[in-house]
Amino acid sequence: MLTENQVHLFRAFHTGLGSLNQLLNSPEFDRQIFAQTWQSLQKIFSEEIQSIQSDVYRIHSVLVEINKQMRLLGMDAMFLKTARQPETVQGRVGQIRDRVTLLMNYCTVLLESDGI
């Protein structure tokens, strides 16, 4: 089970992911705003969430997956930054959108972990 403080952190992280998801689904996608939003979300993750540990196997497994997906999302963000062709940008945005949705689902699992 997560502590009250950890639940608060994951709710804030989930909210940040939701903001990133809205940005990714916006018809006027702005890479600069994406980069700023991504950096603030990455900061929350690295300073607050990455160090969370759990003895409960299922929670630990989800935390490991979140860590992995955040690293991959960082790579996706870097590739998006360097993309020049509109088709490449669109493909990268789609990959990032899928990864953000997956991360939001993982957060939901953790926030509903009372039954785990």
N, C-alpha and C. Protein backbone atom coordinates (compact mmCIF):
# COMPACT_ATOMS: atom_id res chain seq x y z
N MET A 1 0.84 -1.19 0.00
CA MET A 1 0.00 0.00 0.00
C MET A 1 0.88 1.24 0.00
N LEU A 2 0.37 2.26 -0.63
CA LEU A 2 1.08 3.52 -0.68
C LEU A 2 0.73 4.36 0.54
N THR A 3 1.66 5.18 0.98
CA THR A 3 1.40 6.11 2.08
C THR A 3 0.55 7.26 1.54
N GLU A 4 0.02 8.04 2.45
CA GLU A 4 -0.79 9.19 2.05
C GLU A 4 0.01 10.16 1.19
N ASN A 5 1.26 10.39 1.57
CA ASN A 5 2.13 11.29 0.82
C ASN A 5 2.38 10.75 -0.59
N GLN A 6 2.61 9.44 -0.70
CA GLN A 6 2.83 8.83 -2.00
C GLN A 6 1.59 8.92 -2.88
N VAL A 7 0.43 8.73 -2.29
CA VAL A 7 -0.82 8.88 -3.04
C VAL A 7 -0.92 10.30 -3.58
N HIS A 8 -0.59 11.28 -2.76
CA HIS A 8 -0.62 12.68 -3.18
C HIS A 8 0.35 12.91 -4.35
N LEU A 9 1.55 12.33 -4.25
CA LEU A 9 2.54 12.48 -5.32
C LEU A 9 2.05 11.86 -6.62
N PHE A 10 1.46 10.68 -6.54
CA PHE A 10 0.99 10.02 -7.75
C PHE A 10 -0.23 10.73 -8.35
N ARG A 11 -1.05 11.34 -7.51
CA ARG A 11 -2.16 12.14 -8.05
C ARG A 11 -1.63 13.34 -8.82
N ALA A 12 -0.62 14.01 -8.26
CA ALA A 12 -0.02 15.16 -8.94
C ALA A 12 0.66 14.72 -10.23
N PHE A 13 1.34 13.58 -10.20
CA PHE A 13 2.00 13.05 -11.38
C PHE A 13 0.96 12.69 -12.45
N HIS A 14 -0.13 12.07 -12.03
CA HIS A 14 -1.22 11.71 -12.94
C HIS A 14 -1.82 12.97 -13.58
N THR A 15 -1.99 14.01 -12.79
CA THR A 15 -2.51 15.28 -13.30
C THR A 15 -1.55 15.87 -14.33
N GLY A 16 -0.26 15.83 -14.04
CA GLY A 16 0.75 16.31 -15.00
C GLY A 16 0.73 15.53 -16.29
N LEU A 17 0.57 14.21 -16.17
CA LEU A 17 0.46 13.37 -17.37
C LEU A 17 -0.79 13.73 -18.17
N GLY A 18 -1.87 14.03 -17.45
CA GLY A 18 -3.11 14.44 -18.12
C GLY A 18 -2.92 15.74 -18.89
N SER A 19 -2.19 16.68 -18.31
CA SER A 19 -1.90 17.95 -19.00
C SER A 19 -1.06 17.69 -20.25
N LEU A 20 -0.09 16.82 -20.12
CA LEU A 20 0.75 16.46 -21.27
C LEU A 20 -0.09 15.79 -22.35
N ASN A 21 -1.00 14.94 -21.94
CA ASN A 21 -1.88 14.26 -22.88
C ASN A 21 -2.78 15.24 -23.63
N GLN A 22 -3.31 16.23 -22.92
CA GLN A 22 -4.14 17.25 -23.57
C GLN A 22 -3.33 18.02 -24.60
N LEU A 23 -2.11 18.35 -24.25
CA LEU A 23 -1.22 19.06 -25.17
C LEU A 23 -0.97 18.22 -26.42
N LEU A 24 -0.72 16.93 -26.23
CA LEU A 24 -0.45 16.03 -27.36
C LEU A 24 -1.66 15.87 -28.26
N ASN A 25 -2.86 16.02 -27.72
CA ASN A 25 -4.08 15.86 -28.50
C ASN A 25 -4.60 17.18 -29.07
N SER A 26 -3.90 18.26 -28.79
CA SER A 26 -4.31 19.58 -29.27
C SER A 26 -4.05 19.70 -30.77
N PRO A 27 -4.99 20.30 -31.50
CA PRO A 27 -4.76 20.49 -32.95
C PRO A 27 -3.57 21.42 -33.22
N GLU A 28 -3.28 22.33 -32.31
CA GLU A 28 -2.15 23.25 -32.47
C GLU A 28 -1.01 22.81 -31.55
N PHE A 29 -0.49 21.61 -31.80
CA PHE A 29 0.60 21.07 -30.98
C PHE A 29 1.82 21.97 -31.08
N ASP A 30 2.36 22.35 -29.93
CA ASP A 30 3.53 23.24 -29.87
C ASP A 30 4.67 22.49 -29.19
N ARG A 31 5.73 22.24 -29.93
CA ARG A 31 6.85 21.47 -29.38
C ARG A 31 7.53 22.19 -28.22
N GLN A 32 7.56 23.51 -28.24
CA GLN A 32 8.18 24.27 -27.15
C GLN A 32 7.41 24.09 -25.85
N ILE A 33 6.10 24.20 -25.92
CA ILE A 33 5.27 24.00 -24.73
C ILE A 33 5.38 22.55 -24.26
N PHE A 34 5.41 21.62 -25.22
CA PHE A 34 5.59 20.21 -24.86
C PHE A 34 6.90 20.03 -24.08
N ALA A 35 7.99 20.61 -24.58
CA ALA A 35 9.29 20.47 -23.93
C ALA A 35 9.26 21.01 -22.50
N GLN A 36 8.62 22.15 -22.30
CA GLN A 36 8.52 22.74 -20.97
C GLN A 36 7.70 21.86 -20.04
N THR A 37 6.57 21.38 -20.53
CA THR A 37 5.69 20.52 -19.73
C THR A 37 6.40 19.22 -19.40
N TRP A 38 7.09 18.65 -20.37
CA TRP A 38 7.83 17.41 -20.16
C TRP A 38 8.91 17.60 -19.10
N GLN A 39 9.63 18.71 -19.17
CA GLN A 39 10.70 18.95 -18.19
C GLN A 39 10.16 19.05 -16.77
N SER A 40 9.04 19.72 -16.60
CA SER A 40 8.47 19.84 -15.25
C SER A 40 7.98 18.48 -14.76
N LEU A 41 7.41 17.68 -15.64
CA LEU A 41 6.94 16.34 -15.26
C LEU A 41 8.13 15.44 -14.93
N GLN A 42 9.18 15.54 -15.70
CA GLN A 42 10.39 14.76 -15.45
C GLN A 42 11.02 15.14 -14.11
N LYS A 43 10.95 16.41 -13.78
CA LYS A 43 11.50 16.88 -12.50
C LYS A 43 10.72 16.28 -11.33
N ILE A 44 9.40 16.29 -11.42
CA ILE A 44 8.57 15.68 -10.37
C ILE A 44 8.92 14.21 -10.23
N PHE A 45 9.03 13.54 -11.36
CA PHE A 45 9.34 12.12 -11.32
C PHE A 45 10.70 11.85 -10.67
N SER A 46 11.72 12.53 -11.14
CA SER A 46 13.07 12.23 -10.65
C SER A 46 13.28 12.66 -9.20
N GLU A 47 12.65 13.74 -8.77
CA GLU A 47 12.86 14.23 -7.41
C GLU A 47 11.95 13.56 -6.38
N GLU A 48 10.77 13.16 -6.80
CA GLU A 48 9.79 12.70 -5.82
C GLU A 48 9.39 11.23 -5.97
N ILE A 49 9.23 10.76 -7.18
CA ILE A 49 8.60 9.46 -7.40
C ILE A 49 9.60 8.34 -7.64
N GLN A 50 10.67 8.62 -8.32
CA GLN A 50 11.61 7.59 -8.72
C GLN A 50 12.16 6.79 -7.54
N SER A 51 12.29 7.41 -6.40
CA SER A 51 12.88 6.74 -5.24
C SER A 51 11.88 5.94 -4.40
N ILE A 52 10.60 5.97 -4.75
CA ILE A 52 9.59 5.25 -3.98
C ILE A 52 9.82 3.74 -4.12
N GLN A 53 9.79 3.05 -2.99
CA GLN A 53 9.97 1.61 -2.95
C GLN A 53 8.74 0.98 -2.29
N SER A 54 8.52 -0.29 -2.61
CA SER A 54 7.42 -1.01 -1.97
C SER A 54 7.80 -2.47 -1.82
N ASP A 55 7.39 -3.06 -0.71
CA ASP A 55 7.59 -4.49 -0.48
C ASP A 55 6.48 -5.32 -1.11
N VAL A 56 5.40 -4.65 -1.50
CA VAL A 56 4.29 -5.35 -2.14
C VAL A 56 4.67 -5.58 -3.61
N TYR A 57 4.70 -6.84 -4.02
CA TYR A 57 5.21 -7.21 -5.34
C TYR A 57 4.50 -6.48 -6.47
N ARG A 58 3.19 -6.43 -6.45
CA ARG A 58 2.45 -5.80 -7.55
C ARG A 58 2.74 -4.31 -7.64
N ILE A 59 2.81 -3.66 -6.51
CA ILE A 59 3.12 -2.23 -6.51
C ILE A 59 4.54 -2.03 -7.00
N HIS A 60 5.46 -2.85 -6.52
CA HIS A 60 6.86 -2.77 -6.97
C HIS A 60 6.94 -2.96 -8.48
N SER A 61 6.21 -3.91 -9.02
CA SER A 61 6.22 -4.17 -10.46
C SER A 61 5.74 -2.96 -11.25
N VAL A 62 4.69 -2.33 -10.77
CA VAL A 62 4.15 -1.14 -11.46
C VAL A 62 5.16 0.00 -11.37
N LEU A 63 5.80 0.17 -10.23
CA LEU A 63 6.81 1.22 -10.08
C LEU A 63 7.99 1.00 -11.04
N VAL A 64 8.40 -0.25 -11.21
CA VAL A 64 9.48 -0.56 -12.16
C VAL A 64 9.05 -0.21 -13.58
N GLU A 65 7.81 -0.53 -13.93
CA GLU A 65 7.31 -0.22 -15.28
C GLU A 65 7.22 1.29 -15.50
N ILE A 66 6.79 2.03 -14.48
CA ILE A 66 6.72 3.48 -14.61
C ILE A 66 8.12 4.04 -14.85
N ASN A 67 9.09 3.54 -14.11
CA ASN A 67 10.47 3.99 -14.28
C ASN A 67 10.94 3.72 -15.72
N LYS A 68 10.67 2.54 -16.21
CA LYS A 68 11.08 2.17 -17.57
C LYS A 68 10.39 3.05 -18.61
N GLN A 69 9.09 3.25 -18.47
CA GLN A 69 8.34 4.05 -19.44
C GLN A 69 8.78 5.51 -19.42
N MET A 70 9.15 6.01 -18.25
CA MET A 70 9.63 7.39 -18.18
C MET A 70 10.97 7.54 -18.89
N ARG A 71 11.84 6.55 -18.77
CA ARG A 71 13.11 6.59 -19.52
C ARG A 71 12.84 6.56 -21.02
N LEU A 72 11.93 5.70 -21.45
CA LEU A 72 11.60 5.61 -22.87
C LEU A 72 10.93 6.89 -23.36
N LEU A 73 10.09 7.47 -22.51
CA LEU A 73 9.45 8.73 -22.87
C LEU A 73 10.48 9.83 -23.04
N GLY A 74 11.52 9.82 -22.21
CA GLY A 74 12.61 10.78 -22.36
C GLY A 74 13.30 10.64 -23.70
N MET A 75 13.51 9.40 -24.14
CA MET A 75 14.10 9.17 -25.47
C MET A 75 13.15 9.65 -26.57
N ASP A 76 11.87 9.35 -26.41
CA ASP A 76 10.89 9.81 -27.40
C ASP A 76 10.88 11.33 -27.50
N ALA A 77 10.96 12.00 -26.35
CA ALA A 77 10.97 13.47 -26.33
C ALA A 77 12.21 14.01 -27.03
N MET A 78 13.35 13.35 -26.82
CA MET A 78 14.57 13.77 -27.48
C MET A 78 14.46 13.59 -29.00
N PHE A 79 13.90 12.47 -29.43
CA PHE A 79 13.73 12.23 -30.87
C PHE A 79 12.73 13.23 -31.48
N LEU A 80 11.69 13.57 -30.72
CA LEU A 80 10.73 14.56 -31.21
C LEU A 80 11.41 15.91 -31.40
N LYS A 81 12.27 16.25 -30.48
CA LYS A 81 12.97 17.54 -30.55
C LYS A 81 13.79 17.66 -31.82
N THR A 82 14.36 16.55 -32.28
CA THR A 82 15.22 16.59 -33.46
C THR A 82 14.49 16.28 -34.76
N ALA A 83 13.22 15.89 -34.68
CA ALA A 83 12.46 15.54 -35.88
C ALA A 83 12.20 16.78 -36.72
N ARG A 84 12.35 16.64 -38.03
CA ARG A 84 12.15 17.76 -38.94
C ARG A 84 10.97 17.56 -39.89
N GLN A 85 10.80 16.35 -40.37
CA GLN A 85 9.73 16.07 -41.32
C GLN A 85 8.38 15.99 -40.58
N PRO A 86 7.34 16.58 -41.16
CA PRO A 86 6.02 16.54 -40.51
C PRO A 86 5.54 15.11 -40.20
N GLU A 87 5.83 14.17 -41.10
CA GLU A 87 5.41 12.79 -40.87
C GLU A 87 6.14 12.19 -39.67
N THR A 88 7.41 12.53 -39.54
CA THR A 88 8.20 12.04 -38.40
C THR A 88 7.69 12.64 -37.10
N VAL A 89 7.42 13.93 -37.13
CA VAL A 89 6.87 14.61 -35.94
C VAL A 89 5.56 13.95 -35.53
N GLN A 90 4.70 13.73 -36.50
CA GLN A 90 3.39 13.13 -36.22
C GLN A 90 3.55 11.72 -35.64
N GLY A 91 4.48 10.94 -36.18
CA GLY A 91 4.73 9.60 -35.65
C GLY A 91 5.25 9.63 -34.23
N ARG A 92 6.18 10.55 -33.97
CA ARG A 92 6.74 10.67 -32.61
C ARG A 92 5.66 11.10 -31.61
N VAL A 93 4.83 12.04 -32.02
CA VAL A 93 3.75 12.50 -31.14
C VAL A 93 2.81 11.33 -30.82
N GLY A 94 2.53 10.50 -31.81
CA GLY A 94 1.68 9.32 -31.58
C GLY A 94 2.31 8.36 -30.59
N GLN A 95 3.62 8.11 -30.72
CA GLN A 95 4.32 7.23 -29.78
C GLN A 95 4.29 7.81 -28.37
N ILE A 96 4.52 9.11 -28.27
CA ILE A 96 4.52 9.76 -26.96
C ILE A 96 3.12 9.70 -26.35
N ARG A 97 2.11 9.95 -27.16
CA ARG A 97 0.72 9.90 -26.68
C ARG A 97 0.41 8.51 -26.11
N ASP A 98 0.81 7.46 -26.81
CA ASP A 98 0.58 6.09 -26.32
C ASP A 98 1.31 5.83 -25.01
N ARG A 99 2.53 6.31 -24.92
CA ARG A 99 3.32 6.09 -23.70
C ARG A 99 2.73 6.87 -22.52
N VAL A 100 2.27 8.09 -22.77
CA VAL A 100 1.65 8.89 -21.70
C VAL A 100 0.36 8.22 -21.22
N THR A 101 -0.43 7.68 -22.15
CA THR A 101 -1.65 6.97 -21.77
C THR A 101 -1.31 5.75 -20.91
N LEU A 102 -0.28 5.02 -21.28
CA LEU A 102 0.15 3.87 -20.50
C LEU A 102 0.59 4.29 -19.10
N LEU A 103 1.34 5.38 -19.01
CA LEU A 103 1.77 5.88 -17.70
C LEU A 103 0.58 6.31 -16.84
N MET A 104 -0.40 6.94 -17.47
CA MET A 104 -1.61 7.33 -16.72
C MET A 104 -2.32 6.09 -16.19
N ASN A 105 -2.37 5.04 -17.00
CA ASN A 105 -3.01 3.80 -16.55
C ASN A 105 -2.25 3.19 -15.37
N TYR A 106 -0.92 3.22 -15.43
CA TYR A 106 -0.12 2.70 -14.31
C TYR A 106 -0.40 3.50 -13.04
N CYS A 107 -0.48 4.82 -13.16
CA CYS A 107 -0.79 5.65 -12.00
C CYS A 107 -2.16 5.29 -11.43
N THR A 108 -3.11 5.08 -12.31
CA THR A 108 -4.46 4.69 -11.86
C THR A 108 -4.43 3.38 -11.09
N VAL A 109 -3.65 2.42 -11.58
CA VAL A 109 -3.50 1.15 -10.88
C VAL A 109 -2.94 1.38 -9.48
N LEU A 110 -1.91 2.22 -9.37
CA LEU A 110 -1.32 2.48 -8.06
C LEU A 110 -2.29 3.21 -7.14
N LEU A 111 -3.03 4.15 -7.67
CA LEU A 111 -3.95 4.93 -6.85
C LEU A 111 -5.14 4.07 -6.39
N GLU A 112 -5.42 3.01 -7.12
CA GLU A 112 -6.50 2.10 -6.74
C GLU A 112 -5.93 0.85 -6.08
N SER A 113 -4.72 0.92 -5.57
CA SER A 113 -4.01 -0.26 -5.07
C SER A 113 -4.45 -0.72 -3.70
N ASP A 114 -5.49 -0.15 -3.15
CA ASP A 114 -5.94 -0.60 -1.83
C ASP A 114 -6.27 -2.08 -1.83
N GLY A 115 -6.72 -2.58 -2.97
CA GLY A 115 -7.08 -4.00 -3.05
C GLY A 115 -5.92 -4.90 -3.37
N ILE A 116 -4.74 -4.34 -3.65
CA ILE A 116 -3.59 -5.17 -4.03
C ILE A 116 -3.02 -5.87 -2.82
